[in-house]
Amino acid sequence: MRIHRAYAAAPQAVPEGVTGGQVVADVTSTDVVVFLVGMRVNRWRKLRSWGPLFTTMPRLIAELQAGDVGLLSAQIFWSGRTFLVVQYWRSAEELGAYARNPTMGHAAAWRAFNTATAPTGNVGIFHETYVVPREWIESVYGNMAPFGLAKAVGAVARSGRSGTNQAHRRLNTTEPEYVTTD
């Protein structure tokens, strides 16, 4: 295993819960589904429009995490008026099945939003779905707690032969290495 010189002392120096050194996501399936879903508050004063949507998302994530429906991981982010959930799924088919399952919370929430909130324009919603072939994934985490794809699928030590460390060659970019200021 190769340990980059910038990270050589890190395994002994990082705080609890942080993996010192460099790791990559341990992608073992053929594809990874990245699903971005969120909302934008268009009118802050219309709490009755965006409040229910804001409180529904954590409940839906809890529902997903309680069962085995295909969700690997979910993380919530906030920036200004926009709230975003980054989700990793085993397959697009499982994501679609969950979204339309009438016995789970999403279908009812979707219907309620379309009926009561969508016509007001007080809240915007969005989602983006990316099915990424394993060979086009590059991930590097340095001195990080479990995060992103590595949190979803696990992590392994970075090595020169790692499949999730070689996409830079296919993408014609530079390998993410230590850069000196000399």
N, C-alpha and C. Protein backbone atom coordinates (compact mmCIF):
# COMPACT_ATOMS: atom_id res chain seq x y z
N MET A 1 0.84 -1.19 0.00
CA MET A 1 0.00 0.00 0.00
C MET A 1 0.88 1.24 0.00
N ARG A 2 0.52 2.20 -0.81
CA ARG A 2 1.24 3.45 -0.91
C ARG A 2 0.57 4.48 0.01
N ILE A 3 1.37 5.11 0.87
CA ILE A 3 0.86 6.21 1.68
C ILE A 3 1.55 7.47 1.20
N HIS A 4 0.76 8.41 0.74
CA HIS A 4 1.33 9.64 0.24
C HIS A 4 2.04 10.37 1.36
N ARG A 5 3.16 10.99 1.05
CA ARG A 5 3.98 11.63 2.09
C ARG A 5 3.24 12.69 2.88
N ALA A 6 2.28 13.36 2.28
CA ALA A 6 1.52 14.37 3.02
C ALA A 6 0.68 13.74 4.14
N TYR A 7 0.35 12.46 4.00
CA TYR A 7 -0.52 11.79 4.95
C TYR A 7 0.22 10.79 5.84
N ALA A 8 1.53 10.73 5.76
CA ALA A 8 2.29 9.70 6.47
C ALA A 8 2.06 9.72 7.98
N ALA A 9 1.99 10.89 8.59
CA ALA A 9 1.81 10.99 10.04
C ALA A 9 0.34 11.05 10.45
N ALA A 10 -0.55 11.22 9.52
CA ALA A 10 -1.97 11.44 9.82
C ALA A 10 -2.65 10.31 10.59
N PRO A 11 -2.39 9.03 10.28
CA PRO A 11 -3.11 7.98 11.00
C PRO A 11 -2.96 8.06 12.52
N GLN A 12 -1.84 8.57 13.00
CA GLN A 12 -1.64 8.69 14.44
C GLN A 12 -2.13 10.04 14.97
N ALA A 13 -2.44 10.99 14.10
CA ALA A 13 -2.75 12.35 14.53
C ALA A 13 -4.23 12.73 14.47
N VAL A 14 -5.04 11.98 13.73
CA VAL A 14 -6.44 12.38 13.53
C VAL A 14 -7.28 12.17 14.78
N PRO A 15 -8.35 12.96 14.93
CA PRO A 15 -9.25 12.75 16.07
C PRO A 15 -10.08 11.47 15.90
N GLU A 16 -10.72 11.06 16.98
CA GLU A 16 -11.57 9.87 16.95
C GLU A 16 -12.68 10.03 15.92
N GLY A 17 -12.97 8.96 15.20
CA GLY A 17 -14.02 8.97 14.19
C GLY A 17 -13.54 9.38 12.81
N VAL A 18 -12.27 9.75 12.70
CA VAL A 18 -11.69 10.17 11.43
C VAL A 18 -10.69 9.12 10.98
N THR A 19 -10.74 8.77 9.71
CA THR A 19 -9.78 7.82 9.15
C THR A 19 -8.56 8.61 8.67
N GLY A 20 -7.42 8.36 9.28
CA GLY A 20 -6.21 9.07 8.89
C GLY A 20 -5.60 8.48 7.64
N GLY A 21 -5.05 9.33 6.81
CA GLY A 21 -4.47 8.89 5.56
C GLY A 21 -5.46 9.02 4.43
N GLN A 22 -5.23 8.29 3.37
CA GLN A 22 -6.10 8.36 2.21
C GLN A 22 -6.83 7.05 2.00
N VAL A 23 -8.10 7.15 1.71
CA VAL A 23 -8.92 5.99 1.36
C VAL A 23 -9.73 6.33 0.11
N VAL A 24 -10.29 5.30 -0.49
CA VAL A 24 -11.19 5.46 -1.63
C VAL A 24 -12.45 4.67 -1.34
N ALA A 25 -13.53 5.03 -2.00
CA ALA A 25 -14.78 4.29 -1.85
C ALA A 25 -14.60 2.87 -2.39
N ASP A 26 -15.14 1.91 -1.68
CA ASP A 26 -15.03 0.49 -2.05
C ASP A 26 -16.23 0.10 -2.90
N VAL A 27 -16.23 0.52 -4.15
CA VAL A 27 -17.36 0.26 -5.05
C VAL A 27 -17.20 -1.14 -5.62
N THR A 28 -18.11 -2.03 -5.24
CA THR A 28 -18.01 -3.41 -5.71
C THR A 28 -19.09 -3.75 -6.73
N SER A 29 -20.15 -2.96 -6.80
CA SER A 29 -21.19 -3.25 -7.78
C SER A 29 -20.79 -2.65 -9.13
N THR A 30 -21.59 -2.91 -10.14
CA THR A 30 -21.26 -2.40 -11.47
C THR A 30 -21.64 -0.94 -11.63
N ASP A 31 -22.68 -0.48 -10.95
CA ASP A 31 -23.14 0.91 -11.04
C ASP A 31 -23.37 1.46 -9.65
N VAL A 32 -23.35 2.77 -9.55
CA VAL A 32 -23.75 3.47 -8.34
C VAL A 32 -24.79 4.49 -8.76
N VAL A 33 -25.88 4.59 -8.03
CA VAL A 33 -26.91 5.57 -8.33
C VAL A 33 -26.79 6.71 -7.32
N VAL A 34 -26.56 7.90 -7.86
CA VAL A 34 -26.49 9.10 -7.03
C VAL A 34 -27.78 9.87 -7.30
N PHE A 35 -28.50 10.16 -6.22
CA PHE A 35 -29.79 10.84 -6.34
C PHE A 35 -29.73 12.11 -5.50
N LEU A 36 -29.91 13.24 -6.17
CA LEU A 36 -29.97 14.53 -5.49
C LEU A 36 -31.42 14.97 -5.46
N VAL A 37 -31.93 15.29 -4.29
CA VAL A 37 -33.30 15.72 -4.16
C VAL A 37 -33.35 16.88 -3.18
N GLY A 38 -34.19 17.84 -3.46
CA GLY A 38 -34.24 18.97 -2.54
C GLY A 38 -35.33 19.95 -2.85
N MET A 39 -35.28 21.04 -2.11
CA MET A 39 -36.28 22.10 -2.27
C MET A 39 -35.61 23.45 -2.14
N ARG A 40 -36.26 24.45 -2.74
CA ARG A 40 -35.84 25.83 -2.60
C ARG A 40 -37.02 26.61 -2.06
N VAL A 41 -36.80 27.33 -0.97
CA VAL A 41 -37.85 28.17 -0.41
C VAL A 41 -37.88 29.45 -1.23
N ASN A 42 -38.97 29.67 -1.96
CA ASN A 42 -39.10 30.87 -2.78
C ASN A 42 -39.67 32.04 -1.99
N ARG A 43 -40.48 31.75 -0.98
CA ARG A 43 -41.06 32.79 -0.13
C ARG A 43 -40.95 32.34 1.33
N TRP A 44 -39.96 32.89 2.06
CA TRP A 44 -39.72 32.49 3.45
C TRP A 44 -40.96 32.70 4.32
N ARG A 45 -41.74 33.72 4.07
CA ARG A 45 -42.90 34.04 4.92
C ARG A 45 -44.05 33.05 4.76
N LYS A 46 -43.99 32.20 3.77
CA LYS A 46 -45.06 31.22 3.54
C LYS A 46 -44.70 29.88 4.18
N LEU A 47 -44.50 29.91 5.49
CA LEU A 47 -44.10 28.72 6.25
C LEU A 47 -45.07 27.56 6.05
N ARG A 48 -46.35 27.86 5.90
CA ARG A 48 -47.32 26.77 5.70
C ARG A 48 -47.11 26.03 4.38
N SER A 49 -46.44 26.67 3.44
CA SER A 49 -46.14 26.01 2.17
C SER A 49 -44.89 25.14 2.28
N TRP A 50 -43.81 25.69 2.82
CA TRP A 50 -42.55 24.94 2.81
C TRP A 50 -42.31 24.16 4.10
N GLY A 51 -42.95 24.52 5.19
CA GLY A 51 -42.75 23.83 6.47
C GLY A 51 -43.04 22.33 6.40
N PRO A 52 -44.19 21.93 5.85
CA PRO A 52 -44.48 20.49 5.78
C PRO A 52 -43.44 19.73 4.95
N LEU A 53 -42.99 20.29 3.87
CA LEU A 53 -41.99 19.64 3.04
C LEU A 53 -40.67 19.52 3.80
N PHE A 54 -40.31 20.58 4.51
CA PHE A 54 -39.08 20.61 5.28
C PHE A 54 -39.07 19.54 6.37
N THR A 55 -40.19 19.32 7.02
CA THR A 55 -40.25 18.33 8.10
C THR A 55 -40.49 16.91 7.58
N THR A 56 -40.97 16.78 6.36
CA THR A 56 -41.23 15.45 5.80
C THR A 56 -39.94 14.74 5.41
N MET A 57 -38.97 15.45 4.87
CA MET A 57 -37.76 14.80 4.36
C MET A 57 -37.04 13.98 5.43
N PRO A 58 -36.79 14.49 6.63
CA PRO A 58 -36.13 13.64 7.63
C PRO A 58 -36.93 12.37 7.96
N ARG A 59 -38.26 12.47 7.96
CA ARG A 59 -39.09 11.28 8.21
C ARG A 59 -38.95 10.27 7.08
N LEU A 60 -38.89 10.74 5.84
CA LEU A 60 -38.72 9.83 4.71
C LEU A 60 -37.35 9.15 4.76
N ILE A 61 -36.31 9.90 5.13
CA ILE A 61 -34.98 9.31 5.24
C ILE A 61 -34.96 8.26 6.34
N ALA A 62 -35.60 8.55 7.48
CA ALA A 62 -35.69 7.56 8.57
C ALA A 62 -36.42 6.31 8.10
N GLU A 63 -37.49 6.48 7.33
CA GLU A 63 -38.23 5.34 6.79
C GLU A 63 -37.33 4.51 5.87
N LEU A 64 -36.57 5.17 5.02
CA LEU A 64 -35.67 4.48 4.10
C LEU A 64 -34.59 3.71 4.86
N GLN A 65 -34.04 4.33 5.89
CA GLN A 65 -32.98 3.69 6.65
C GLN A 65 -33.48 2.54 7.51
N ALA A 66 -34.77 2.53 7.84
CA ALA A 66 -35.34 1.47 8.68
C ALA A 66 -35.58 0.18 7.91
N GLY A 67 -35.75 0.28 6.60
CA GLY A 67 -36.01 -0.90 5.79
C GLY A 67 -34.91 -1.11 4.77
N ASP A 68 -34.97 -2.24 4.11
CA ASP A 68 -33.98 -2.54 3.06
C ASP A 68 -34.65 -2.33 1.71
N VAL A 69 -34.71 -1.07 1.28
CA VAL A 69 -35.37 -0.76 0.01
C VAL A 69 -34.38 -0.32 -1.07
N GLY A 70 -33.07 -0.29 -0.72
CA GLY A 70 -32.06 0.04 -1.71
C GLY A 70 -31.23 1.27 -1.39
N LEU A 71 -31.64 2.06 -0.39
CA LEU A 71 -30.85 3.23 -0.01
C LEU A 71 -29.59 2.77 0.69
N LEU A 72 -28.45 3.30 0.25
CA LEU A 72 -27.17 2.99 0.88
C LEU A 72 -26.78 4.06 1.90
N SER A 73 -27.08 5.32 1.60
CA SER A 73 -26.70 6.41 2.48
C SER A 73 -27.43 7.68 2.05
N ALA A 74 -27.62 8.60 3.01
CA ALA A 74 -28.24 9.89 2.71
C ALA A 74 -27.63 10.94 3.63
N GLN A 75 -27.35 12.11 3.07
CA GLN A 75 -26.83 13.22 3.84
C GLN A 75 -27.55 14.49 3.41
N ILE A 76 -27.89 15.34 4.41
CA ILE A 76 -28.63 16.57 4.17
C ILE A 76 -27.69 17.77 4.21
N PHE A 77 -27.88 18.70 3.27
CA PHE A 77 -27.09 19.92 3.20
C PHE A 77 -28.03 21.12 3.03
N TRP A 78 -27.55 22.28 3.46
CA TRP A 78 -28.34 23.50 3.37
C TRP A 78 -27.45 24.64 2.91
N SER A 79 -27.94 25.44 1.96
CA SER A 79 -27.23 26.62 1.48
C SER A 79 -28.24 27.68 1.09
N GLY A 80 -28.32 28.72 1.90
CA GLY A 80 -29.25 29.81 1.61
C GLY A 80 -30.69 29.33 1.62
N ARG A 81 -31.37 29.44 0.50
CA ARG A 81 -32.77 29.03 0.38
C ARG A 81 -32.93 27.57 -0.02
N THR A 82 -31.83 26.89 -0.29
CA THR A 82 -31.90 25.55 -0.86
C THR A 82 -31.49 24.48 0.15
N PHE A 83 -32.30 23.44 0.24
CA PHE A 83 -32.03 22.27 1.07
C PHE A 83 -31.85 21.09 0.12
N LEU A 84 -30.79 20.32 0.34
CA LEU A 84 -30.40 19.25 -0.57
C LEU A 84 -30.14 17.98 0.21
N VAL A 85 -30.62 16.86 -0.33
CA VAL A 85 -30.29 15.56 0.22
C VAL A 85 -29.55 14.80 -0.87
N VAL A 86 -28.33 14.35 -0.54
CA VAL A 86 -27.55 13.52 -1.45
C VAL A 86 -27.77 12.08 -1.00
N GLN A 87 -28.29 11.27 -1.91
CA GLN A 87 -28.56 9.87 -1.61
C GLN A 87 -27.77 8.97 -2.56
N TYR A 88 -27.36 7.83 -2.03
CA TYR A 88 -26.71 6.79 -2.84
C TYR A 88 -27.60 5.56 -2.77
N TRP A 89 -27.90 4.99 -3.93
CA TRP A 89 -28.79 3.84 -4.05
C TRP A 89 -28.08 2.68 -4.73
N ARG A 90 -28.56 1.47 -4.44
CA ARG A 90 -28.02 0.28 -5.12
C ARG A 90 -28.41 0.26 -6.58
N SER A 91 -29.65 0.72 -6.89
CA SER A 91 -30.09 0.67 -8.28
C SER A 91 -31.17 1.72 -8.53
N ALA A 92 -31.28 2.13 -9.79
CA ALA A 92 -32.33 3.06 -10.19
C ALA A 92 -33.71 2.42 -10.05
N GLU A 93 -33.77 1.11 -10.26
CA GLU A 93 -35.05 0.40 -10.15
C GLU A 93 -35.58 0.46 -8.71
N GLU A 94 -34.69 0.28 -7.73
CA GLU A 94 -35.11 0.35 -6.33
C GLU A 94 -35.52 1.77 -5.94
N LEU A 95 -34.82 2.76 -6.45
CA LEU A 95 -35.19 4.15 -6.21
C LEU A 95 -36.59 4.43 -6.75
N GLY A 96 -36.84 4.03 -7.99
CA GLY A 96 -38.15 4.24 -8.60
C GLY A 96 -39.26 3.49 -7.89
N ALA A 97 -38.98 2.27 -7.47
CA ALA A 97 -39.99 1.47 -6.75
C ALA A 97 -40.35 2.14 -5.43
N TYR A 98 -39.37 2.65 -4.71
CA TYR A 98 -39.67 3.35 -3.46
C TYR A 98 -40.52 4.59 -3.71
N ALA A 99 -40.13 5.39 -4.71
CA ALA A 99 -40.83 6.65 -4.97
C ALA A 99 -42.31 6.44 -5.24
N ARG A 100 -42.66 5.31 -5.85
CA ARG A 100 -44.06 5.08 -6.24
C ARG A 100 -44.81 4.11 -5.32
N ASN A 101 -44.15 3.59 -4.31
CA ASN A 101 -44.76 2.60 -3.42
C ASN A 101 -45.85 3.26 -2.56
N PRO A 102 -47.11 2.89 -2.76
CA PRO A 102 -48.19 3.55 -2.01
C PRO A 102 -48.21 3.21 -0.53
N THR A 103 -47.48 2.20 -0.10
CA THR A 103 -47.46 1.84 1.32
C THR A 103 -46.36 2.58 2.09
N MET A 104 -45.54 3.35 1.39
CA MET A 104 -44.47 4.09 2.05
C MET A 104 -44.75 5.59 1.93
N GLY A 105 -44.02 6.38 2.70
CA GLY A 105 -44.33 7.80 2.87
C GLY A 105 -44.15 8.70 1.67
N HIS A 106 -43.25 8.36 0.76
CA HIS A 106 -42.96 9.29 -0.33
C HIS A 106 -44.16 9.53 -1.24
N ALA A 107 -44.88 8.49 -1.62
CA ALA A 107 -46.00 8.65 -2.56
C ALA A 107 -47.04 9.61 -2.00
N ALA A 108 -47.37 9.47 -0.72
CA ALA A 108 -48.35 10.37 -0.09
C ALA A 108 -47.81 11.80 -0.02
N ALA A 109 -46.55 11.96 0.32
CA ALA A 109 -45.96 13.30 0.40
C ALA A 109 -45.92 13.96 -0.97
N TRP A 110 -45.60 13.18 -1.99
CA TRP A 110 -45.56 13.67 -3.37
C TRP A 110 -46.95 14.16 -3.79
N ARG A 111 -47.96 13.34 -3.50
CA ARG A 111 -49.34 13.70 -3.83
C ARG A 111 -49.76 14.97 -3.10
N ALA A 112 -49.46 15.08 -1.80
CA ALA A 112 -49.84 16.25 -1.01
C ALA A 112 -49.16 17.51 -1.54
N PHE A 113 -47.87 17.40 -1.89
CA PHE A 113 -47.17 18.56 -2.44
C PHE A 113 -47.81 19.01 -3.75
N ASN A 114 -48.07 18.06 -4.65
CA ASN A 114 -48.65 18.41 -5.95
C ASN A 114 -50.03 19.03 -5.82
N THR A 115 -50.77 18.63 -4.80
CA THR A 115 -52.12 19.14 -4.60
C THR A 115 -52.13 20.52 -3.94
N ALA A 116 -51.39 20.66 -2.84
CA ALA A 116 -51.51 21.87 -2.03
C ALA A 116 -50.40 22.90 -2.26
N THR A 117 -49.19 22.47 -2.53
CA THR A 117 -48.06 23.40 -2.52
C THR A 117 -47.58 23.78 -3.91
N ALA A 118 -47.49 22.86 -4.82
CA ALA A 118 -46.95 23.16 -6.16
C ALA A 118 -47.65 24.34 -6.83
N PRO A 119 -49.00 24.44 -6.75
CA PRO A 119 -49.66 25.56 -7.44
C PRO A 119 -49.33 26.94 -6.88
N THR A 120 -48.81 27.03 -5.65
CA THR A 120 -48.56 28.34 -5.03
C THR A 120 -47.27 29.00 -5.52
N GLY A 121 -46.30 28.20 -5.95
CA GLY A 121 -45.01 28.76 -6.33
C GLY A 121 -44.15 29.18 -5.15
N ASN A 122 -44.59 28.88 -3.95
CA ASN A 122 -43.85 29.27 -2.75
C ASN A 122 -42.61 28.41 -2.51
N VAL A 123 -42.61 27.23 -3.10
CA VAL A 123 -41.52 26.28 -2.91
C VAL A 123 -41.19 25.66 -4.25
N GLY A 124 -39.89 25.54 -4.52
CA GLY A 124 -39.45 24.80 -5.69
C GLY A 124 -38.88 23.47 -5.23
N ILE A 125 -39.03 22.45 -6.04
CA ILE A 125 -38.44 21.15 -5.73
C ILE A 125 -37.62 20.68 -6.92
N PHE A 126 -36.70 19.78 -6.68
CA PHE A 126 -35.87 19.26 -7.76
C PHE A 126 -35.36 17.88 -7.39
N HIS A 127 -35.04 17.13 -8.40
CA HIS A 127 -34.24 15.92 -8.21
C HIS A 127 -33.43 15.65 -9.47
N GLU A 128 -32.29 15.04 -9.26
CA GLU A 128 -31.41 14.62 -10.34
C GLU A 128 -30.95 13.21 -10.02
N THR A 129 -30.96 12.35 -11.02
CA THR A 129 -30.55 10.97 -10.84
C THR A 129 -29.40 10.67 -11.79
N TYR A 130 -28.32 10.13 -11.24
CA TYR A 130 -27.15 9.77 -12.03
C TYR A 130 -26.84 8.30 -11.80
N VAL A 131 -26.80 7.53 -12.85
CA VAL A 131 -26.35 6.14 -12.77
C VAL A 131 -24.92 6.15 -13.30
N VAL A 132 -23.98 5.86 -12.39
CA VAL A 132 -22.57 6.00 -12.72
C VAL A 132 -21.92 4.62 -12.77
N PRO A 133 -21.38 4.23 -13.92
CA PRO A 133 -20.67 2.96 -13.99
C PRO A 133 -19.44 2.97 -13.08
N ARG A 134 -19.18 1.85 -12.47
CA ARG A 134 -18.08 1.73 -11.51
C ARG A 134 -16.76 2.26 -12.09
N GLU A 135 -16.47 1.94 -13.35
CA GLU A 135 -15.19 2.31 -13.92
C GLU A 135 -15.03 3.81 -14.14
N TRP A 136 -16.10 4.60 -14.00
CA TRP A 136 -16.01 6.05 -14.16
C TRP A 136 -16.06 6.78 -12.82
N ILE A 137 -15.93 6.05 -11.75
CA ILE A 137 -15.95 6.67 -10.42
C ILE A 137 -14.53 6.88 -9.94
N GLU A 138 -14.25 8.07 -9.49
CA GLU A 138 -12.99 8.35 -8.80
C GLU A 138 -13.35 8.95 -7.46
N SER A 139 -12.73 8.46 -6.42
CA SER A 139 -12.95 9.02 -5.10
C SER A 139 -11.64 8.99 -4.32
N VAL A 140 -11.39 10.04 -3.60
CA VAL A 140 -10.25 10.11 -2.70
C VAL A 140 -10.70 10.88 -1.47
N TYR A 141 -10.43 10.32 -0.31
CA TYR A 141 -10.77 10.97 0.95
C TYR A 141 -9.49 11.03 1.77
N GLY A 142 -9.12 12.20 2.21
CA GLY A 142 -7.92 12.36 3.03
C GLY A 142 -8.29 12.88 4.40
N ASN A 143 -7.97 12.10 5.42
CA ASN A 143 -8.24 12.49 6.81
C ASN A 143 -9.71 12.87 7.01
N MET A 144 -10.60 12.00 6.59
CA MET A 144 -12.04 12.27 6.65
C MET A 144 -12.76 11.24 7.51
N ALA A 145 -13.81 11.70 8.17
CA ALA A 145 -14.79 10.78 8.74
C ALA A 145 -15.56 10.20 7.56
N PRO A 146 -16.24 9.07 7.75
CA PRO A 146 -17.01 8.50 6.63
C PRO A 146 -17.92 9.56 5.99
N PHE A 147 -17.83 9.70 4.67
CA PHE A 147 -18.56 10.74 3.96
C PHE A 147 -18.84 10.30 2.54
N GLY A 148 -19.94 10.80 1.99
CA GLY A 148 -20.26 10.60 0.58
C GLY A 148 -20.35 9.14 0.19
N LEU A 149 -19.79 8.84 -0.95
CA LEU A 149 -19.85 7.48 -1.48
C LEU A 149 -19.15 6.49 -0.56
N ALA A 150 -18.04 6.90 0.07
CA ALA A 150 -17.34 6.01 0.99
C ALA A 150 -18.19 5.68 2.20
N LYS A 151 -19.03 6.60 2.63
CA LYS A 151 -19.96 6.31 3.73
C LYS A 151 -21.02 5.32 3.27
N ALA A 152 -21.43 5.43 2.02
CA ALA A 152 -22.48 4.57 1.48
C ALA A 152 -22.02 3.14 1.26
N VAL A 153 -20.81 2.97 0.72
CA VAL A 153 -20.36 1.62 0.33
C VAL A 153 -19.16 1.12 1.12
N GLY A 154 -18.60 1.95 1.98
CA GLY A 154 -17.40 1.58 2.71
C GLY A 154 -16.17 2.11 2.01
N ALA A 155 -15.03 2.02 2.70
CA ALA A 155 -13.79 2.56 2.15
C ALA A 155 -12.67 1.55 2.31
N VAL A 156 -11.70 1.65 1.42
CA VAL A 156 -10.49 0.84 1.49
C VAL A 156 -9.30 1.78 1.32
N ALA A 157 -8.16 1.34 1.79
CA ALA A 157 -6.95 2.15 1.67
C ALA A 157 -6.66 2.45 0.21
N ARG A 158 -6.21 3.64 -0.05
CA ARG A 158 -5.88 4.04 -1.41
C ARG A 158 -4.60 3.34 -1.85
N SER A 159 -4.62 2.81 -3.05
CA SER A 159 -3.42 2.20 -3.62
C SER A 159 -3.36 2.58 -5.08
N GLY A 160 -2.24 2.40 -5.68
CA GLY A 160 -2.08 2.75 -7.09
C GLY A 160 -2.92 1.91 -8.03
N ARG A 161 -3.41 0.77 -7.55
CA ARG A 161 -4.18 -0.13 -8.41
C ARG A 161 -5.69 -0.07 -8.15
N SER A 162 -6.12 0.76 -7.22
CA SER A 162 -7.53 0.81 -6.86
C SER A 162 -8.39 1.28 -8.04
N GLY A 163 -9.47 0.56 -8.31
CA GLY A 163 -10.36 0.93 -9.41
C GLY A 163 -10.99 2.29 -9.24
N THR A 164 -11.23 2.71 -8.00
CA THR A 164 -11.85 4.02 -7.79
C THR A 164 -10.80 5.10 -7.61
N ASN A 165 -9.61 4.83 -8.05
CA ASN A 165 -8.54 5.81 -7.97
C ASN A 165 -7.90 6.03 -9.33
N GLN A 166 -8.46 5.45 -10.36
CA GLN A 166 -7.84 5.53 -11.68
C GLN A 166 -8.68 6.26 -12.71
N ALA A 167 -9.84 6.75 -12.34
CA ALA A 167 -10.69 7.45 -13.31
C ALA A 167 -10.00 8.68 -13.88
N HIS A 168 -9.07 9.26 -13.14
CA HIS A 168 -8.36 10.44 -13.66
C HIS A 168 -7.65 10.13 -14.99
N ARG A 169 -7.23 8.90 -15.17
CA ARG A 169 -6.58 8.54 -16.44
C ARG A 169 -7.60 8.53 -17.58
N ARG A 170 -8.76 7.96 -17.33
CA ARG A 170 -9.80 7.91 -18.35
C ARG A 170 -10.38 9.30 -18.63
N LEU A 171 -10.39 10.16 -17.60
CA LEU A 171 -10.96 11.50 -17.75
C LEU A 171 -9.93 12.53 -18.23
N ASN A 172 -8.69 12.08 -18.42
CA ASN A 172 -7.60 12.97 -18.84
C ASN A 172 -7.39 14.13 -17.89
N THR A 173 -7.47 13.85 -16.61
CA THR A 173 -7.19 14.85 -15.59
C THR A 173 -5.92 14.43 -14.86
N THR A 174 -5.52 15.23 -13.92
CA THR A 174 -4.30 14.94 -13.18
C THR A 174 -4.62 14.12 -11.95
N GLU A 175 -3.78 13.15 -11.66
CA GLU A 175 -3.95 12.36 -10.45
C GLU A 175 -3.87 13.29 -9.24
N PRO A 176 -4.79 13.18 -8.30
CA PRO A 176 -4.78 14.08 -7.14
C PRO A 176 -3.64 13.74 -6.20
N GLU A 177 -2.52 14.38 -6.37
CA GLU A 177 -1.33 14.15 -5.57
C GLU A 177 -0.95 15.40 -4.81
N TYR A 178 0.00 15.23 -3.96
CA TYR A 178 0.54 16.32 -3.17
C TYR A 178 1.26 17.31 -4.08
N VAL A 179 0.96 18.58 -3.93
CA VAL A 179 1.59 19.61 -4.73
C VAL A 179 2.46 20.47 -3.81
N THR A 180 3.70 20.62 -4.14
CA THR A 180 4.59 21.44 -3.32
C THR A 180 4.49 22.88 -3.76
N THR A 181 4.88 23.79 -2.88
CA THR A 181 4.86 25.21 -3.21
C THR A 181 6.23 25.71 -3.62
N ASP A 182 7.19 24.80 -3.80
CA ASP A 182 8.56 25.18 -4.19
C ASP A 182 8.62 25.70 -5.60
